[in-house]
Amino acid sequence: MFKRTNFRKDPTKTTDSRAEKYSARDGAGCWELDGLPPAVLRDLLDTAISDSTDFEKVNAILKREEVDRAQLEELVRRAA
């Protein structure tokens, strides 16, 4: 996600125990996000989550859970 933006990439801290694994996966450098205003960070995260979520599947699961919940409630009601 951040590769598509104009965020400045800082050198990875080589003293960090995670640096080698991170650099192998994501390349040299990293982004420091703690300096971003909360609203900007929230918007970036919302976009990333929305872009990677299959809302049709989520809605289908929620509907199935609703049906399952109703069936369980009926079973409990009958057993009482």
PDB file of N, CA and C in Angstrom:
ATOM      1  N   MET A   1       0.827  -1.186   0.000  1.00  0.00           N
ATOM      2  CA  MET A   1       0.000   0.000   0.000  1.00  0.00           C
ATOM      3  C   MET A   1       0.870   1.248   0.000  1.00  0.00           C
ATOM      4  N   PHE A   2       1.880   1.281   0.838  1.00  0.00           N
ATOM      5  CA  PHE A   2       2.686   2.482   0.951  1.00  0.00           C
ATOM      6  C   PHE A   2       3.630   2.642  -0.232  1.00  0.00           C
ATOM      7  N   LYS A   3       3.839   1.577  -0.961  1.00  0.00           N
ATOM      8  CA  LYS A   3       4.667   1.665  -2.157  1.00  0.00           C
ATOM      9  C   LYS A   3       3.983   2.505  -3.227  1.00  0.00           C
ATOM     10  N   ARG A   4       2.648   2.637  -3.135  1.00  0.00           N
ATOM     11  CA  ARG A   4       1.884   3.412  -4.118  1.00  0.00           C
ATOM     12  C   ARG A   4       1.787   4.882  -3.728  1.00  0.00           C
ATOM     13  N   THR A   5       2.332   5.244  -2.604  1.00  0.00           N
ATOM     14  CA  THR A   5       2.213   6.608  -2.110  1.00  0.00           C
ATOM     15  C   THR A   5       3.535   7.342  -2.237  1.00  0.00           C
ATOM     16  N   ASN A   6       3.535   8.573  -1.811  1.00  0.00           N
ATOM     17  CA  ASN A   6       4.752   9.373  -1.833  1.00  0.00           C
ATOM     18  C   ASN A   6       5.399   9.479  -0.465  1.00  0.00           C
ATOM     19  N   PHE A   7       5.100   8.525   0.430  1.00  0.00           N
ATOM     20  CA  PHE A   7       5.721   8.554   1.738  1.00  0.00           C
ATOM     21  C   PHE A   7       7.226   8.363   1.591  1.00  0.00           C
ATOM     22  N   ARG A   8       7.946   9.084   2.402  1.00  0.00           N
ATOM     23  CA  ARG A   8       9.402   8.976   2.382  1.00  0.00           C
ATOM     24  C   ARG A   8       9.792   7.659   3.048  1.00  0.00           C
ATOM     25  N   LYS A   9      10.699   6.950   2.414  1.00  0.00           N
ATOM     26  CA  LYS A   9      11.173   5.678   2.950  1.00  0.00           C
ATOM     27  C   LYS A   9      12.459   5.941   3.736  1.00  0.00           C
ATOM     28  N   ASP A  10      12.472   5.511   4.985  1.00  0.00           N
ATOM     29  CA  ASP A  10      13.641   5.678   5.846  1.00  0.00           C
ATOM     30  C   ASP A  10      14.452   4.391   5.861  1.00  0.00           C
ATOM     31  N   PRO A  11      15.734   4.491   6.186  1.00  0.00           N
ATOM     32  CA  PRO A  11      16.535   3.264   6.284  1.00  0.00           C
ATOM     33  C   PRO A  11      16.012   2.374   7.413  1.00  0.00           C
ATOM     34  N   THR A  12      16.058   1.086   7.178  1.00  0.00           N
ATOM     35  CA  THR A  12      15.673   0.136   8.217  1.00  0.00           C
ATOM     36  C   THR A  12      16.728   0.155   9.306  1.00  0.00           C
ATOM     37  N   LYS A  13      16.274   0.109  10.547  1.00  0.00           N
ATOM     38  CA  LYS A  13      17.204   0.094  11.676  1.00  0.00           C
ATOM     39  C   LYS A  13      17.852  -1.284  11.759  1.00  0.00           C
ATOM     40  N   THR A  14      19.118  -1.350  11.424  1.00  0.00           N
ATOM     41  CA  THR A  14      19.800  -2.646  11.391  1.00  0.00           C
ATOM     42  C   THR A  14      19.966  -3.254  12.785  1.00  0.00           C
ATOM     43  N   THR A  15      19.801  -2.446  13.828  1.00  0.00           N
ATOM     44  CA  THR A  15      19.901  -2.966  15.189  1.00  0.00           C
ATOM     45  C   THR A  15      18.623  -3.679  15.626  1.00  0.00           C
ATOM     46  N   ASP A  16      17.551  -3.524  14.866  1.00  0.00           N
ATOM     47  CA  ASP A  16      16.289  -4.185  15.182  1.00  0.00           C
ATOM     48  C   ASP A  16      16.404  -5.664  14.811  1.00  0.00           C
ATOM     49  N   SER A  17      16.018  -6.529  15.719  1.00  0.00           N
ATOM     50  CA  SER A  17      16.130  -7.973  15.472  1.00  0.00           C
ATOM     51  C   SER A  17      15.267  -8.435  14.293  1.00  0.00           C
ATOM     52  N   ARG A  18      14.282  -7.648  13.905  1.00  0.00           N
ATOM     53  CA  ARG A  18      13.386  -8.018  12.805  1.00  0.00           C
ATOM     54  C   ARG A  18      13.859  -7.484  11.460  1.00  0.00           C
ATOM     55  N   ALA A  19      14.936  -6.699  11.446  1.00  0.00           N
ATOM     56  CA  ALA A  19      15.367  -5.987  10.236  1.00  0.00           C
ATOM     57  C   ALA A  19      15.689  -6.917   9.077  1.00  0.00           C
ATOM     58  N   GLU A  20      16.417  -7.975   9.323  1.00  0.00           N
ATOM     59  CA  GLU A  20      16.820  -8.867   8.236  1.00  0.00           C
ATOM     60  C   GLU A  20      15.616  -9.508   7.557  1.00  0.00           C
ATOM     61  N   LYS A  21      14.702 -10.018   8.359  1.00  0.00           N
ATOM     62  CA  LYS A  21      13.498 -10.660   7.812  1.00  0.00           C
ATOM     63  C   LYS A  21      12.632  -9.635   7.070  1.00  0.00           C
ATOM     64  N   TYR A  22      12.491  -8.458   7.653  1.00  0.00           N
ATOM     65  CA  TYR A  22      11.692  -7.406   7.030  1.00  0.00           C
ATOM     66  C   TYR A  22      12.292  -7.000   5.686  1.00  0.00           C
ATOM     67  N   SER A  23      13.603  -6.767   5.675  1.00  0.00           N
ATOM     68  CA  SER A  23      14.264  -6.331   4.440  1.00  0.00           C
ATOM     69  C   SER A  23      14.177  -7.394   3.354  1.00  0.00           C
ATOM     70  N   ALA A  24      14.267  -8.658   3.749  1.00  0.00           N
ATOM     71  CA  ALA A  24      14.152  -9.730   2.759  1.00  0.00           C
ATOM     72  C   ALA A  24      12.763  -9.755   2.142  1.00  0.00           C
ATOM     73  N   ARG A  25      11.753  -9.456   2.954  1.00  0.00           N
ATOM     74  CA  ARG A  25      10.373  -9.492   2.473  1.00  0.00           C
ATOM     75  C   ARG A  25       9.984  -8.210   1.737  1.00  0.00           C
ATOM     76  N   ASP A  26      10.365  -7.044   2.289  1.00  0.00           N
ATOM     77  CA  ASP A  26       9.867  -5.769   1.783  1.00  0.00           C
ATOM     78  C   ASP A  26      10.923  -4.861   1.165  1.00  0.00           C
ATOM     79  N   GLY A  27      12.153  -5.306   1.135  1.00  0.00           N
ATOM     80  CA  GLY A  27      13.211  -4.477   0.578  1.00  0.00           C
ATOM     81  C   GLY A  27      13.800  -3.565   1.643  1.00  0.00           C
ATOM     82  N   ALA A  28      14.869  -2.906   1.275  1.00  0.00           N
ATOM     83  CA  ALA A  28      15.544  -2.022   2.220  1.00  0.00           C
ATOM     84  C   ALA A  28      14.683  -0.793   2.484  1.00  0.00           C
ATOM     85  N   GLY A  29      14.657  -0.369   3.704  1.00  0.00           N
ATOM     86  CA  GLY A  29      13.918   0.825   4.069  1.00  0.00           C
ATOM     87  C   GLY A  29      12.559   0.496   4.668  1.00  0.00           C
ATOM     88  N   CYS A  30      12.011   1.468   5.348  1.00  0.00           N
ATOM     89  CA  CYS A  30      10.719   1.286   5.993  1.00  0.00           C
ATOM     90  C   CYS A  30      10.010   2.630   6.076  1.00  0.00           C
ATOM     91  N   TRP A  31       8.763   2.582   6.477  1.00  0.00           N
ATOM     92  CA  TRP A  31       7.971   3.787   6.619  1.00  0.00           C
ATOM     93  C   TRP A  31       7.627   3.991   8.087  1.00  0.00           C
ATOM     94  N   GLU A  32       7.852   5.179   8.580  1.00  0.00           N
ATOM     95  CA  GLU A  32       7.509   5.521   9.959  1.00  0.00           C
ATOM     96  C   GLU A  32       6.128   6.160   9.944  1.00  0.00           C
ATOM     97  N   LEU A  33       5.150   5.444  10.443  1.00  0.00           N
ATOM     98  CA  LEU A  33       3.775   5.914  10.373  1.00  0.00           C
ATOM     99  C   LEU A  33       3.313   6.645  11.618  1.00  0.00           C
ATOM    100  N   ASP A  34       4.096   6.555  12.682  1.00  0.00           N
ATOM    101  CA  ASP A  34       3.660   7.170  13.930  1.00  0.00           C
ATOM    102  C   ASP A  34       3.615   8.689  13.859  1.00  0.00           C
ATOM    103  N   GLY A  35       4.215   9.273  12.854  1.00  0.00           N
ATOM    104  CA  GLY A  35       4.177  10.721  12.693  1.00  0.00           C
ATOM    105  C   GLY A  35       2.980  11.220  11.890  1.00  0.00           C
ATOM    106  N   LEU A  36       2.202  10.292  11.357  1.00  0.00           N
ATOM    107  CA  LEU A  36       1.043  10.697  10.563  1.00  0.00           C
ATOM    108  C   LEU A  36      -0.097  11.146  11.478  1.00  0.00           C
ATOM    109  N   PRO A  37      -0.854  12.134  11.036  1.00  0.00           N
ATOM    110  CA  PRO A  37      -2.052  12.504  11.800  1.00  0.00           C
ATOM    111  C   PRO A  37      -3.009  11.305  11.866  1.00  0.00           C
ATOM    112  N   PRO A  38      -3.687  11.119  12.983  1.00  0.00           N
ATOM    113  CA  PRO A  38      -4.587   9.970  13.127  1.00  0.00           C
ATOM    114  C   PRO A  38      -5.606   9.836  11.991  1.00  0.00           C
ATOM    115  N   ALA A  39      -6.142  10.934  11.517  1.00  0.00           N
ATOM    116  CA  ALA A  39      -7.150  10.865  10.451  1.00  0.00           C
ATOM    117  C   ALA A  39      -6.544  10.304   9.162  1.00  0.00           C
ATOM    118  N   VAL A  40      -5.311  10.675   8.862  1.00  0.00           N
ATOM    119  CA  VAL A  40      -4.639  10.172   7.653  1.00  0.00           C
ATOM    120  C   VAL A  40      -4.384   8.673   7.791  1.00  0.00           C
ATOM    121  N   LEU A  41      -3.873   8.263   8.944  1.00  0.00           N
ATOM    122  CA  LEU A  41      -3.604   6.853   9.176  1.00  0.00           C
ATOM    123  C   LEU A  41      -4.898   6.043   9.113  1.00  0.00           C
ATOM    124  N   ARG A  42      -5.970   6.561   9.708  1.00  0.00           N
ATOM    125  CA  ARG A  42      -7.269   5.879   9.681  1.00  0.00           C
ATOM    126  C   ARG A  42      -7.755   5.726   8.241  1.00  0.00           C
ATOM    127  N   ASP A  43      -7.632   6.777   7.431  1.00  0.00           N
ATOM    128  CA  ASP A  43      -8.066   6.699   6.035  1.00  0.00           C
ATOM    129  C   ASP A  43      -7.248   5.677   5.247  1.00  0.00           C
ATOM    130  N   LEU A  44      -5.936   5.645   5.490  1.00  0.00           N
ATOM    131  CA  LEU A  44      -5.079   4.674   4.809  1.00  0.00           C
ATOM    132  C   LEU A  44      -5.484   3.245   5.176  1.00  0.00           C
ATOM    133  N   LEU A  45      -5.727   3.015   6.451  1.00  0.00           N
ATOM    134  CA  LEU A  45      -6.119   1.685   6.905  1.00  0.00           C
ATOM    135  C   LEU A  45      -7.505   1.304   6.383  1.00  0.00           C
ATOM    136  N   ASP A  46      -8.446   2.236   6.417  1.00  0.00           N
ATOM    137  CA  ASP A  46      -9.787   1.965   5.888  1.00  0.00           C
ATOM    138  C   ASP A  46      -9.713   1.562   4.420  1.00  0.00           C
ATOM    139  N   THR A  47      -8.911   2.280   3.652  1.00  0.00           N
ATOM    140  CA  THR A  47      -8.763   1.981   2.224  1.00  0.00           C
ATOM    141  C   THR A  47      -8.139   0.614   2.021  1.00  0.00           C
ATOM    142  N   ALA A  48      -7.082   0.316   2.771  1.00  0.00           N
ATOM    143  CA  ALA A  48      -6.412  -0.979   2.630  1.00  0.00           C
ATOM    144  C   ALA A  48      -7.347  -2.120   2.988  1.00  0.00           C
ATOM    145  N   ILE A  49      -8.109  -1.963   4.050  1.00  0.00           N
ATOM    146  CA  ILE A  49      -9.046  -3.009   4.460  1.00  0.00           C
ATOM    147  C   ILE A  49     -10.154  -3.170   3.421  1.00  0.00           C
ATOM    148  N   SER A  50     -10.710  -2.068   2.967  1.00  0.00           N
ATOM    149  CA  SER A  50     -11.781  -2.125   1.963  1.00  0.00           C
ATOM    150  C   SER A  50     -11.304  -2.762   0.659  1.00  0.00           C
ATOM    151  N   ASP A  51     -10.076  -2.419   0.255  1.00  0.00           N
ATOM    152  CA  ASP A  51      -9.534  -2.958  -0.991  1.00  0.00           C
ATOM    153  C   ASP A  51      -9.277  -4.460  -0.919  1.00  0.00           C
ATOM    154  N   SER A  52      -9.093  -4.998   0.279  1.00  0.00           N
ATOM    155  CA  SER A  52      -8.745  -6.404   0.397  1.00  0.00           C
ATOM    156  C   SER A  52      -9.889  -7.253   0.971  1.00  0.00           C
ATOM    157  N   THR A  53     -11.067  -6.672   1.111  1.00  0.00           N
ATOM    158  CA  THR A  53     -12.195  -7.396   1.696  1.00  0.00           C
ATOM    159  C   THR A  53     -13.222  -7.738   0.627  1.00  0.00           C
ATOM    160  N   ASP A  54     -13.640  -8.986   0.613  1.00  0.00           N
ATOM    161  CA  ASP A  54     -14.704  -9.431  -0.285  1.00  0.00           C
ATOM    162  C   ASP A  54     -16.017  -9.278   0.484  1.00  0.00           C
ATOM    163  N   PHE A  55     -16.681  -8.152   0.305  1.00  0.00           N
ATOM    164  CA  PHE A  55     -17.872  -7.846   1.073  1.00  0.00           C
ATOM    165  C   PHE A  55     -19.047  -8.771   0.758  1.00  0.00           C
ATOM    166  N   GLU A  56     -19.087  -9.326  -0.446  1.00  0.00           N
ATOM    167  CA  GLU A  56     -20.136 -10.300  -0.759  1.00  0.00           C
ATOM    168  C   GLU A  56     -19.989 -11.531   0.124  1.00  0.00           C
ATOM    169  N   LYS A  57     -18.752 -11.993   0.308  1.00  0.00           N
ATOM    170  CA  LYS A  57     -18.510 -13.152   1.171  1.00  0.00           C
ATOM    171  C   LYS A  57     -18.823 -12.812   2.622  1.00  0.00           C
ATOM    172  N   VAL A  58     -18.406 -11.632   3.049  1.00  0.00           N
ATOM    173  CA  VAL A  58     -18.678 -11.217   4.432  1.00  0.00           C
ATOM    174  C   VAL A  58     -20.183 -11.196   4.684  1.00  0.00           C
ATOM    175  N   ASN A  59     -20.932 -10.605   3.774  1.00  0.00           N
ATOM    176  CA  ASN A  59     -22.384 -10.529   3.942  1.00  0.00           C
ATOM    177  C   ASN A  59     -23.031 -11.909   3.921  1.00  0.00           C
ATOM    178  N   ALA A  60     -22.521 -12.810   3.068  1.00  0.00           N
ATOM    179  CA  ALA A  60     -23.059 -14.172   3.023  1.00  0.00           C
ATOM    180  C   ALA A  60     -22.804 -14.887   4.356  1.00  0.00           C
ATOM    181  N   ILE A  61     -21.635 -14.692   4.920  1.00  0.00           N
ATOM    182  CA  ILE A  61     -21.309 -15.308   6.220  1.00  0.00           C
ATOM    183  C   ILE A  61     -22.204 -14.741   7.309  1.00  0.00           C
ATOM    184  N   LEU A  62     -22.406 -13.427   7.304  1.00  0.00           N
ATOM    185  CA  LEU A  62     -23.261 -12.808   8.316  1.00  0.00           C
ATOM    186  C   LEU A  62     -24.695 -13.318   8.220  1.00  0.00           C
ATOM    187  N   LYS A  63     -25.197 -13.482   7.006  1.00  0.00           N
ATOM    188  CA  LYS A  63     -26.552 -14.007   6.835  1.00  0.00           C
ATOM    189  C   LYS A  63     -26.633 -15.441   7.340  1.00  0.00           C
ATOM    190  N   ARG A  64     -25.613 -16.249   7.033  1.00  0.00           N
ATOM    191  CA  ARG A  64     -25.601 -17.637   7.493  1.00  0.00           C
ATOM    192  C   ARG A  64     -25.550 -17.690   9.023  1.00  0.00           C
ATOM    193  N   GLU A  65     -24.748 -16.826   9.624  1.00  0.00           N
ATOM    194  CA  GLU A  65     -24.681 -16.776  11.088  1.00  0.00           C
ATOM    195  C   GLU A  65     -26.034 -16.414  11.689  1.00  0.00           C
ATOM    196  N   GLU A  66     -26.746 -15.522  11.037  1.00  0.00           N
ATOM    197  CA  GLU A  66     -28.076 -15.130  11.523  1.00  0.00           C
ATOM    198  C   GLU A  66     -29.037 -16.327  11.494  1.00  0.00           C
ATOM    199  N   VAL A  67     -28.989 -17.091  10.412  1.00  0.00           N
ATOM    200  CA  VAL A  67     -29.830 -18.288  10.301  1.00  0.00           C
ATOM    201  C   VAL A  67     -29.431 -19.300  11.372  1.00  0.00           C
ATOM    202  N   ASP A  68     -28.144 -19.534  11.531  1.00  0.00           N
ATOM    203  CA  ASP A  68     -27.666 -20.486  12.544  1.00  0.00           C
ATOM    204  C   ASP A  68     -28.082 -20.055  13.949  1.00  0.00           C
ATOM    205  N   ARG A  69     -27.964 -18.764  14.239  1.00  0.00           N
ATOM    206  CA  ARG A  69     -28.335 -18.242  15.557  1.00  0.00           C
ATOM    207  C   ARG A  69     -29.825 -18.473  15.824  1.00  0.00           C
ATOM    208  N   ALA A  70     -30.651 -18.219  14.823  1.00  0.00           N
ATOM    209  CA  ALA A  70     -32.094 -18.424  14.980  1.00  0.00           C
ATOM    210  C   ALA A  70     -32.411 -19.897  15.226  1.00  0.00           C
ATOM    211  N   GLN A  71     -31.715 -20.779  14.525  1.00  0.00           N
ATOM    212  CA  GLN A  71     -31.937 -22.214  14.723  1.00  0.00           C
ATOM    213  C   GLN A  71     -31.519 -22.646  16.124  1.00  0.00           C
ATOM    214  N   LEU A  72     -30.387 -22.143  16.605  1.00  0.00           N
ATOM    215  CA  LEU A  72     -29.933 -22.480  17.957  1.00  0.00           C
ATOM    216  C   LEU A  72     -30.896 -21.946  19.015  1.00  0.00           C
ATOM    217  N   GLU A  73     -31.369 -20.734  18.805  1.00  0.00           N
ATOM    218  CA  GLU A  73     -32.330 -20.166  19.756  1.00  0.00           C
ATOM    219  C   GLU A  73     -33.610 -20.989  19.801  1.00  0.00           C
ATOM    220  N   GLU A  74     -34.034 -21.488  18.658  1.00  0.00           N
ATOM    221  CA  GLU A  74     -35.219 -22.333  18.598  1.00  0.00           C
ATOM    222  C   GLU A  74     -34.982 -23.646  19.336  1.00  0.00           C
ATOM    223  N   LEU A  75     -33.823 -24.244  19.169  1.00  0.00           N
ATOM    224  CA  LEU A  75     -33.494 -25.467  19.880  1.00  0.00           C
ATOM    225  C   LEU A  75     -33.488 -25.246  21.397  1.00  0.00           C
ATOM    226  N   VAL A  76     -32.926 -24.153  21.822  1.00  0.00           N
ATOM    227  CA  VAL A  76     -32.894 -23.831  23.257  1.00  0.00           C
ATOM    228  C   VAL A  76     -34.318 -23.615  23.769  1.00  0.00           C
ATOM    229  N   ARG A  77     -35.121 -22.918  23.007  1.00  0.00           N
ATOM    230  CA  ARG A  77     -36.503 -22.656  23.408  1.00  0.00           C
ATOM    231  C   ARG A  77     -37.280 -23.959  23.572  1.00  0.00           C
ATOM    232  N   ARG A  78     -37.086 -24.865  22.620  1.00  0.00           N
ATOM    233  CA  ARG A  78     -37.795 -26.156  22.687  1.00  0.00           C
ATOM    234  C   ARG A  78     -37.318 -27.013  23.857  1.00  0.00           C
ATOM    235  N   ALA A  79     -36.036 -26.915  24.177  1.00  0.00           N
ATOM    236  CA  ALA A  79     -35.474 -27.738  25.261  1.00  0.00           C
ATOM    237  C   ALA A  79     -35.858 -27.211  26.641  1.00  0.00           C
ATOM    238  N   ALA A  80     -36.265 -25.970  26.718  1.00  0.00           N
ATOM    239  CA  ALA A  80     -36.591 -25.369  28.019  1.00  0.00           C
ATOM    240  C   ALA A  80     -37.920 -25.825  28.563  1.00  0.00           C
TER     241      ALA A  80
END
